Amino acid sequence: MKGQSFFILGLIFALIIAVLAVTNNDPVQFNYVFGSQKWPLILIILTTAVFGGVVAASLSFVKIVQLRGQVKQKNKRIAELEEEIKQYKPVEPVVEEEPIQPATRTERAQL
């Protein structure tokens, strides 16, 4: 369900960007570090959107790799602890005996 909602949000976001890009196709002055050029605004909008998507995907990939490493470490630790548990003998359960009842008068008389 979570993946579907992200997919739908992504589609809505892509639709908004497409509408903005199509309605803004006038050439604009684009200044960068080494110079400037006139480019259509549609190209600038789409390029920045794609660049933002690549950056977000890269950061997500890095986080996924880190989390997989943590899971691997935790699974290794769990396996070590399970092996340690297997080394111990199981303790026999303590069976409680019935408490000794004091002898009645008749029983004492018979002794």
Protein backbone atom coordinates (compact mmCIF):
# COMPACT_ATOMS: atom_id res chain seq x y z
CA MET A 1 0.00 0.00 0.00
CA LYS A 2 2.84 2.38 0.84
CA GLY A 3 4.52 1.77 -2.52
CA GLN A 4 1.29 2.46 -4.39
CA SER A 5 0.80 5.79 -2.66
CA PHE A 6 4.37 6.84 -3.51
CA PHE A 7 3.80 5.79 -7.12
CA ILE A 8 0.58 7.82 -7.35
CA LEU A 9 2.26 10.85 -5.75
CA GLY A 10 5.12 10.51 -8.24
CA LEU A 11 2.70 10.43 -11.15
CA ILE A 12 0.90 13.52 -9.87
CA PHE A 13 4.22 15.32 -9.42
CA ALA A 14 5.31 14.32 -12.96
CA LEU A 15 2.00 15.59 -14.36
CA ILE A 16 2.42 18.94 -12.62
CA ILE A 17 5.96 19.29 -13.98
CA ALA A 18 4.80 18.37 -17.49
CA VAL A 19 2.00 20.96 -17.39
CA LEU A 20 4.40 23.64 -16.11
CA ALA A 21 6.98 22.74 -18.74
CA VAL A 22 4.52 22.83 -21.66
CA THR A 23 2.96 26.14 -20.62
CA ASN A 24 6.39 27.79 -20.12
CA ASN A 25 8.20 27.27 -23.41
CA ASP A 26 9.57 30.79 -23.88
CA PRO A 27 13.36 31.15 -24.21
CA VAL A 28 15.02 32.50 -21.08
CA GLN A 29 18.55 33.56 -20.21
CA PHE A 30 20.25 30.73 -18.28
CA ASN A 31 23.36 31.83 -16.36
CA TYR A 32 25.85 29.27 -15.15
CA VAL A 33 29.40 29.51 -13.77
CA PHE A 34 31.24 29.76 -17.10
CA GLY A 35 28.76 31.76 -19.14
CA SER A 36 25.14 32.10 -20.12
CA GLN A 37 22.82 30.98 -22.90
CA LYS A 38 19.22 31.35 -23.97
CA TRP A 39 17.38 28.10 -23.48
CA PRO A 40 13.70 27.24 -23.59
CA LEU A 41 12.21 27.23 -20.10
CA ILE A 42 10.71 23.78 -20.77
CA LEU A 43 14.22 22.34 -21.10
CA ILE A 44 15.40 23.98 -17.87
CA ILE A 45 12.36 22.76 -15.92
CA LEU A 46 12.64 19.17 -17.18
CA THR A 47 16.41 19.07 -16.67
CA THR A 48 16.18 20.27 -13.08
CA ALA A 49 13.34 17.82 -12.36
CA VAL A 50 15.35 14.89 -13.75
CA PHE A 51 18.46 16.03 -11.87
CA GLY A 52 16.45 16.25 -8.64
CA GLY A 53 15.09 12.75 -9.20
CA VAL A 54 18.58 11.37 -9.78
CA VAL A 55 19.89 13.02 -6.61
CA ALA A 56 16.94 11.72 -4.54
CA ALA A 57 17.37 8.19 -5.95
CA SER A 58 21.12 8.27 -5.22
CA LEU A 59 20.56 9.33 -1.62
CA SER A 60 17.91 6.64 -1.20
CA PHE A 61 20.26 4.03 -2.62
CA VAL A 62 23.00 5.02 -0.16
CA LYS A 63 20.57 4.75 2.76
CA ILE A 64 19.34 1.35 1.55
CA VAL A 65 22.91 0.04 1.36
CA GLN A 66 23.61 1.30 4.90
CA LEU A 67 20.46 -0.34 6.26
CA ARG A 68 21.27 -3.63 4.54
CA GLY A 69 24.69 -3.58 6.21
CA GLN A 70 23.07 -3.02 9.59
CA VAL A 71 20.63 -5.89 9.01
CA LYS A 72 23.53 -8.14 8.05
CA GLN A 73 25.40 -7.24 11.26
CA LYS A 74 22.31 -7.80 13.40
CA ASN A 75 21.61 -11.19 11.78
CA LYS A 76 25.22 -12.21 12.40
CA ARG A 77 24.91 -11.19 16.07
CA ILE A 78 21.63 -13.10 16.40
CA ALA A 79 23.29 -16.24 14.98
CA GLU A 80 26.18 -15.86 17.47
CA LEU A 81 23.78 -15.52 20.39
CA GLU A 82 21.73 -18.51 19.24
CA GLU A 83 24.91 -20.62 19.10
CA GLU A 84 25.79 -19.44 22.60
CA ILE A 85 22.35 -20.44 23.85
CA LYS A 86 22.75 -23.92 22.34
CA GLN A 87 25.93 -24.46 24.39
CA TYR A 88 24.08 -24.31 27.67
CA LYS A 89 22.40 -27.44 29.02
CA PRO A 90 18.69 -27.19 29.48
CA VAL A 91 17.80 -26.95 33.14
CA GLU A 92 15.55 -29.69 34.44
CA PRO A 93 12.32 -28.27 35.79
CA VAL A 94 11.99 -28.43 39.54
CA VAL A 95 9.14 -30.70 40.57
CA GLU A 96 7.68 -29.59 43.83
CA GLU A 97 6.76 -32.37 46.17
CA GLU A 98 3.59 -32.28 48.12
CA PRO A 99 4.14 -30.61 51.49
CA ILE A 100 4.34 -32.97 54.45
CA GLN A 101 1.18 -32.78 56.47
CA PRO A 102 1.44 -32.99 60.24
CA ALA A 103 0.31 -36.30 61.65
CA THR A 104 -3.15 -36.47 63.06
CA ARG A 105 -3.83 -37.68 66.64
CA THR A 106 -4.78 -41.14 65.48
CA GLU A 107 -1.66 -41.49 63.39
CA ARG A 108 0.47 -40.34 66.33
CA ALA A 109 -1.25 -42.82 68.60
CA GLN A 110 -0.45 -45.62 66.21
CA LEU A 111 3.25 -44.76 66.31
